[in-house]
Amino acid sequence: MVFYMDKIVEMRDVSWRRNRVEILHNINWEIKRPEHWAILGLNGSGKTTLLNMINSYIWPSTGEVTVLGYEFGKTDITKLRHTIGWVSSSLGAKINERHNTEELVVSGKFAAVGLTFADPTEEDFEDAREVMKQLNIEHVYGEPYEKCSNGEKQKVLIARGLISKPKMLILDEPTNGLDFISREELLATIEEFTKNPNGPTIIYVTHYTEEVLPVFTHTLLLKDGTMLASGKREDVLTNENMSVLYGKDIEIEWKRGRAWQSLG
C-alpha cells in the first residue's frame, strides 16, 4: 500500500556497490514538502548514482529507501517512475531533432522520446501547449526541435518532464551548453514555476553555486560518494564546505540571494 506523505525522499544508511567498489556510502537523506533541493559535487562524486536510485533504476546494496511513499523491497514500485520527471543532457542526445516540439513534449506522457509507438490525443497536445505556455515557449509550438535555440530546447525538455504532472522533477545540469543570457533566462523560468505550491518537488543538480536560486531551500554536497554537508542553503554553501568539496581555497560571495564562488 502506498501513502502519499510530506516525506518525498527518505534514505537510511544507504550504500551502493558495483564490482565490489562502494560508489555511495552511508547516505542518510530526507526531502520533505515544500522543500526544493540542489545537489552539488564533482564528476564522479555519486550524483548520477543517487539520481538513478531515486528513480528506482538501481536499488541500494544496504540500507532503506522510500520515494514518494514507495518503500523499496516492500511495495510495488513499477508506477514510481511515472511520478518522476527527469531532464538531463543525456536525454537531449537521444532525441530525433526533426520531431516537432509539441510531439517531444507529449512523448513525456508515454515515457518515450518520440511518438512512434504512442497514440496521443488532441487533449494531449492541448496539455503540451499549456505547459509550453507556462514556460514561455508557446511560440515554438509546431516548430521542429532542431530549429530551436539551446535555451528553447532545454525548456522543451522541461515541458516534457512536466506534462505528466509529476510529483518530483529532477533537473540534471539543465544549463549545460547555454550562454550566460540563455542560462539566466532558463533560471528565471525555473524560479517562476517552482513558486507554484501545487507543483512538483524539484531536485536541481549543478556544478555552480550561483545556480542555486533562493527557491532551492536546501542543498546537498556530495564528495566521493558520501554526504559532505546537507541542510539549508545558506548553512551549506560556505567557504569552508566548498573548499573541502573542491580541494581548493574557495570564497563565497552572496549577491541578490545567490552564492557566487571564486578561487580564494
Protein backbone atom coordinates (compact mmCIF):
# COMPACT_ATOMS: atom_id res chain seq x y z
CA MET A 1 0.00 0.00 0.00
CA VAL A 2 1.31 3.45 -0.94
CA PHE A 3 0.84 6.51 1.23
CA TYR A 4 1.50 9.96 -0.17
CA MET A 5 3.06 11.96 2.60
CA ASP A 6 5.14 15.00 3.35
CA LYS A 7 8.34 12.97 3.03
CA ILE A 8 9.29 12.89 -0.64
CA VAL A 9 12.59 11.01 -0.29
CA GLU A 10 13.88 9.10 2.69
CA MET A 11 17.20 7.26 2.69
CA ARG A 12 18.55 5.49 5.75
CA ASP A 13 22.14 4.14 5.93
CA VAL A 14 22.21 3.65 2.16
CA SER A 15 25.24 2.29 0.34
CA TRP A 16 25.63 1.05 -3.23
CA ARG A 17 28.39 -1.12 -4.61
CA ARG A 18 29.41 -2.04 -8.15
CA ASN A 19 32.08 -4.66 -8.81
CA ARG A 20 32.93 -4.57 -5.09
CA VAL A 21 33.59 -0.82 -5.26
CA GLU A 22 31.42 1.31 -3.00
CA ILE A 23 30.00 4.21 -5.04
CA LEU A 24 27.66 5.55 -2.36
CA HIS A 25 28.42 5.23 1.35
CA ASN A 26 26.22 5.75 4.40
CA ILE A 27 23.71 8.13 2.82
CA ASN A 28 21.14 9.49 5.28
CA TRP A 29 18.96 11.98 3.44
CA GLU A 30 15.43 13.27 3.68
CA ILE A 31 13.37 15.58 1.46
CA LYS A 32 10.08 16.97 2.75
CA ARG A 33 7.44 19.11 1.13
CA PRO A 34 7.64 22.02 0.40
CA GLU A 35 11.45 21.82 0.15
CA HIS A 36 13.34 22.08 -3.14
CA TRP A 37 16.91 20.75 -3.17
CA ALA A 38 20.09 21.48 -5.10
CA ILE A 39 22.85 18.86 -5.34
CA LEU A 40 26.47 19.81 -5.99
CA GLY A 41 29.52 17.61 -6.41
CA LEU A 42 32.49 16.98 -8.69
CA ASN A 43 32.26 14.48 -11.54
CA GLY A 44 32.42 11.01 -10.03
CA SER A 45 31.04 12.13 -6.68
CA GLY A 46 27.99 9.85 -6.95
CA LYS A 47 25.35 12.32 -8.17
CA THR A 48 24.14 10.21 -11.09
CA THR A 49 24.09 7.07 -8.96
CA LEU A 50 21.97 8.86 -6.38
CA LEU A 51 19.53 10.02 -9.07
CA ASN A 52 19.34 6.52 -10.54
CA MET A 53 18.40 5.21 -7.13
CA ILE A 54 15.69 7.82 -6.63
CA ASN A 55 14.25 6.72 -9.98
CA SER A 56 14.49 3.04 -8.91
CA TYR A 57 16.85 2.16 -11.77
CA ILE A 58 19.14 0.74 -9.10
CA TRP A 59 18.44 -0.45 -5.57
CA PRO A 60 20.65 0.02 -2.50
CA SER A 61 23.21 -2.61 -1.60
CA THR A 62 22.47 -1.82 2.03
CA GLY A 63 20.00 0.46 3.78
CA GLU A 64 16.43 1.58 3.20
CA VAL A 65 14.95 3.84 0.51
CA THR A 66 11.44 5.30 0.29
CA VAL A 67 10.49 7.61 -2.58
CA LEU A 68 7.06 9.27 -2.76
CA GLY A 69 5.76 6.70 -0.31
CA TYR A 70 7.12 3.70 -2.25
CA GLU A 71 9.38 1.67 0.03
CA PHE A 72 11.92 -0.28 -1.99
CA GLY A 73 11.52 -4.01 -1.46
CA LYS A 74 8.18 -3.75 0.32
CA THR A 75 5.88 -2.11 -2.25
CA ASP A 76 5.24 -2.35 -5.98
CA ILE A 77 7.30 0.49 -7.43
CA THR A 78 6.53 -0.16 -11.09
CA LYS A 79 4.50 3.06 -11.18
CA LEU A 80 7.09 5.18 -9.38
CA ARG A 81 8.95 6.33 -12.49
CA HIS A 82 5.72 7.74 -13.95
CA THR A 83 5.52 10.14 -10.97
CA ILE A 84 9.04 11.50 -11.57
CA GLY A 85 10.15 13.78 -14.39
CA TRP A 86 13.85 13.73 -15.26
CA VAL A 87 15.55 16.27 -17.52
CA SER A 88 19.19 15.57 -18.36
CA SER A 89 21.73 16.26 -21.07
CA SER A 90 21.75 12.55 -21.91
CA LEU A 91 18.06 12.80 -22.83
CA GLY A 92 18.78 15.54 -25.35
CA ALA A 93 21.31 13.28 -27.07
CA LYS A 94 18.63 10.62 -27.68
CA ILE A 95 16.14 12.94 -29.38
CA ASN A 96 15.44 12.99 -33.09
CA GLU A 97 15.68 16.72 -33.65
CA ARG A 98 13.36 16.60 -36.66
CA HIS A 99 10.40 15.99 -34.36
CA ASN A 100 8.18 19.00 -33.70
CA THR A 101 8.48 20.44 -30.24
CA GLU A 102 4.93 19.56 -29.17
CA GLU A 103 5.49 15.93 -30.17
CA LEU A 104 8.51 15.74 -27.90
CA VAL A 105 6.59 17.36 -25.05
CA VAL A 106 3.68 14.92 -25.45
CA SER A 107 6.11 11.98 -25.53
CA GLY A 108 6.74 12.66 -21.84
CA LYS A 109 3.29 11.20 -21.13
CA PHE A 110 4.41 7.91 -22.64
CA ALA A 111 7.90 7.76 -21.08
CA ALA A 112 9.37 7.84 -24.59
CA VAL A 113 11.47 10.28 -26.66
CA GLY A 114 9.12 10.13 -29.65
CA LEU A 115 5.57 9.14 -30.58
CA THR A 116 6.34 6.18 -32.87
CA PHE A 117 4.60 3.68 -30.60
CA ALA A 118 2.20 6.09 -28.87
CA ASP A 119 -1.35 7.12 -29.66
CA PRO A 120 -1.67 10.71 -28.42
CA THR A 121 -4.99 12.50 -28.31
CA GLU A 122 -5.96 16.06 -29.12
CA GLU A 123 -6.17 16.64 -25.37
CA ASP A 124 -2.54 15.56 -25.02
CA PHE A 125 -1.48 18.25 -27.48
CA GLU A 126 -3.58 20.85 -25.66
CA ASP A 127 -1.80 19.87 -22.46
CA ALA A 128 1.51 20.32 -24.30
CA ARG A 129 0.50 23.78 -25.46
CA GLU A 130 -0.49 24.75 -21.92
CA VAL A 131 2.74 23.63 -20.27
CA MET A 132 4.78 25.24 -23.06
CA LYS A 133 2.87 28.46 -22.44
CA GLN A 134 3.78 28.28 -18.76
CA LEU A 135 7.45 28.04 -19.73
CA ASN A 136 7.21 30.90 -22.24
CA ILE A 137 7.90 28.74 -25.29
CA GLU A 138 4.44 28.58 -26.84
CA HIS A 139 5.92 30.41 -29.84
CA VAL A 140 7.89 27.27 -30.83
CA TYR A 141 4.78 25.04 -30.87
CA GLY A 142 4.64 23.44 -34.31
CA GLU A 143 8.35 24.09 -34.96
CA PRO A 144 11.00 21.37 -35.42
CA TYR A 145 13.11 20.91 -32.31
CA GLU A 146 16.27 21.38 -34.38
CA LYS A 147 15.29 24.99 -35.17
CA CYS A 148 15.05 25.98 -31.51
CA SER A 149 17.78 27.83 -29.65
CA ASN A 150 19.66 25.91 -26.95
CA GLY A 151 17.64 27.68 -24.28
CA GLU A 152 14.37 26.83 -26.00
CA LYS A 153 15.46 23.21 -26.36
CA GLN A 154 16.06 22.95 -22.61
CA LYS A 155 12.63 24.42 -21.91
CA VAL A 156 11.06 21.91 -24.31
CA LEU A 157 12.70 19.10 -22.33
CA ILE A 158 11.47 20.61 -19.06
CA ALA A 159 7.96 20.87 -20.54
CA ARG A 160 8.27 17.19 -21.48
CA GLY A 161 9.16 16.43 -17.86
CA LEU A 162 6.22 18.44 -16.52
CA ILE A 163 3.41 17.33 -18.85
CA SER A 164 2.57 14.21 -16.85
CA LYS A 165 2.21 16.33 -13.71
CA PRO A 166 4.97 14.54 -11.78
CA LYS A 167 5.29 14.64 -8.01
CA MET A 168 9.03 15.19 -8.42
CA LEU A 169 11.09 16.84 -11.17
CA ILE A 170 14.83 16.21 -11.45
CA LEU A 171 16.78 18.83 -13.40
CA ASP A 172 20.20 17.33 -14.04
CA GLU A 173 22.57 20.13 -15.09
CA PRO A 174 19.93 21.77 -17.31
CA THR A 175 22.08 24.80 -18.17
CA ASN A 176 24.86 22.77 -19.84
CA GLY A 177 25.78 24.35 -23.16
CA LEU A 178 23.89 27.59 -22.55
CA ASP A 179 25.45 31.02 -22.79
CA PHE A 180 25.12 33.44 -19.88
CA ILE A 181 21.93 35.13 -21.11
CA SER A 182 20.21 31.86 -22.00
CA ARG A 183 21.22 30.42 -18.65
CA GLU A 184 19.75 33.34 -16.72
CA GLU A 185 16.54 33.19 -18.76
CA LEU A 186 16.19 29.48 -18.03
CA LEU A 187 16.88 30.01 -14.33
CA ALA A 188 14.23 32.74 -14.22
CA THR A 189 11.73 30.33 -15.79
CA ILE A 190 12.61 27.61 -13.29
CA GLU A 191 12.28 30.08 -10.43
CA GLU A 192 8.83 31.08 -11.63
CA PHE A 193 7.32 27.61 -11.91
CA THR A 194 8.83 26.43 -8.60
CA LYS A 195 6.70 29.05 -6.85
CA ASN A 196 3.58 27.01 -7.62
CA PRO A 197 2.56 25.43 -4.27
CA ASN A 198 0.93 22.54 -6.14
CA GLY A 199 3.95 21.94 -8.36
CA PRO A 200 6.46 19.09 -8.07
CA THR A 201 9.34 18.88 -5.64
CA ILE A 202 12.48 19.93 -7.51
CA ILE A 203 15.91 18.31 -7.31
CA TYR A 204 18.39 20.51 -9.19
CA VAL A 205 21.87 19.18 -9.99
CA THR A 206 24.63 21.64 -10.84
CA HIS A 207 28.35 22.41 -10.53
CA TYR A 208 27.75 26.11 -9.91
CA THR A 209 26.66 27.64 -6.62
CA GLU A 210 25.24 30.72 -8.36
CA GLU A 211 22.58 28.49 -9.96
CA VAL A 212 21.22 27.58 -6.53
CA LEU A 213 18.36 30.06 -6.58
CA PRO A 214 16.57 31.20 -3.40
CA VAL A 215 13.67 28.85 -4.29
CA PHE A 216 16.04 25.93 -3.63
CA THR A 217 15.66 25.89 0.11
CA HIS A 218 18.17 23.13 0.80
CA THR A 219 21.46 21.88 -0.60
CA LEU A 220 23.32 18.58 -0.56
CA LEU A 221 27.08 18.39 -1.19
CA LEU A 222 28.40 15.01 -2.37
CA LYS A 223 32.08 14.11 -2.25
CA ASP A 224 33.48 10.68 -3.09
CA GLY A 225 30.08 9.05 -2.62
CA THR A 226 29.47 10.47 0.83
CA MET A 227 27.44 13.40 2.14
CA LEU A 228 29.85 16.20 2.87
CA ALA A 229 27.07 18.53 4.03
CA SER A 230 23.31 18.88 3.76
CA GLY A 231 20.74 21.31 5.07
CA LYS A 232 19.50 24.82 4.47
CA ARG A 233 21.14 26.51 1.52
CA GLU A 234 22.77 29.33 3.50
CA ASP A 235 24.23 26.89 6.04
CA VAL A 236 25.73 24.58 3.41
CA LEU A 237 27.14 26.99 0.81
CA THR A 238 30.02 28.28 2.94
CA ASN A 239 33.69 28.98 2.25
CA GLU A 240 34.69 26.02 4.42
CA ASN A 241 32.33 23.46 2.87
CA MET A 242 33.04 24.48 -0.71
CA SER A 243 36.80 24.49 -0.09
CA VAL A 244 36.59 20.92 1.19
CA LEU A 245 34.35 19.91 -1.74
CA TYR A 246 36.74 21.20 -4.40
CA GLY A 247 40.01 20.72 -2.54
CA LYS A 248 40.84 24.36 -3.24
CA ASP A 249 40.52 27.62 -1.34
CA ILE A 250 37.03 28.78 -2.33
CA GLU A 251 35.37 32.04 -1.40
CA ILE A 252 31.59 32.52 -1.49
CA GLU A 253 30.07 35.96 -2.01
CA TRP A 254 26.33 36.39 -1.65
CA LYS A 255 24.66 38.72 -4.15
CA ARG A 256 20.90 39.10 -4.58
CA GLY A 257 20.22 35.89 -2.72
CA ARG A 258 22.68 33.81 -4.76
CA ALA A 259 26.09 32.42 -3.78
CA TRP A 260 28.86 33.26 -6.26
CA GLN A 261 32.06 31.25 -5.89
CA SER A 262 35.62 32.12 -6.81
CA LEU A 263 39.11 30.86 -6.06
CA GLY A 264 40.49 32.39 -2.90
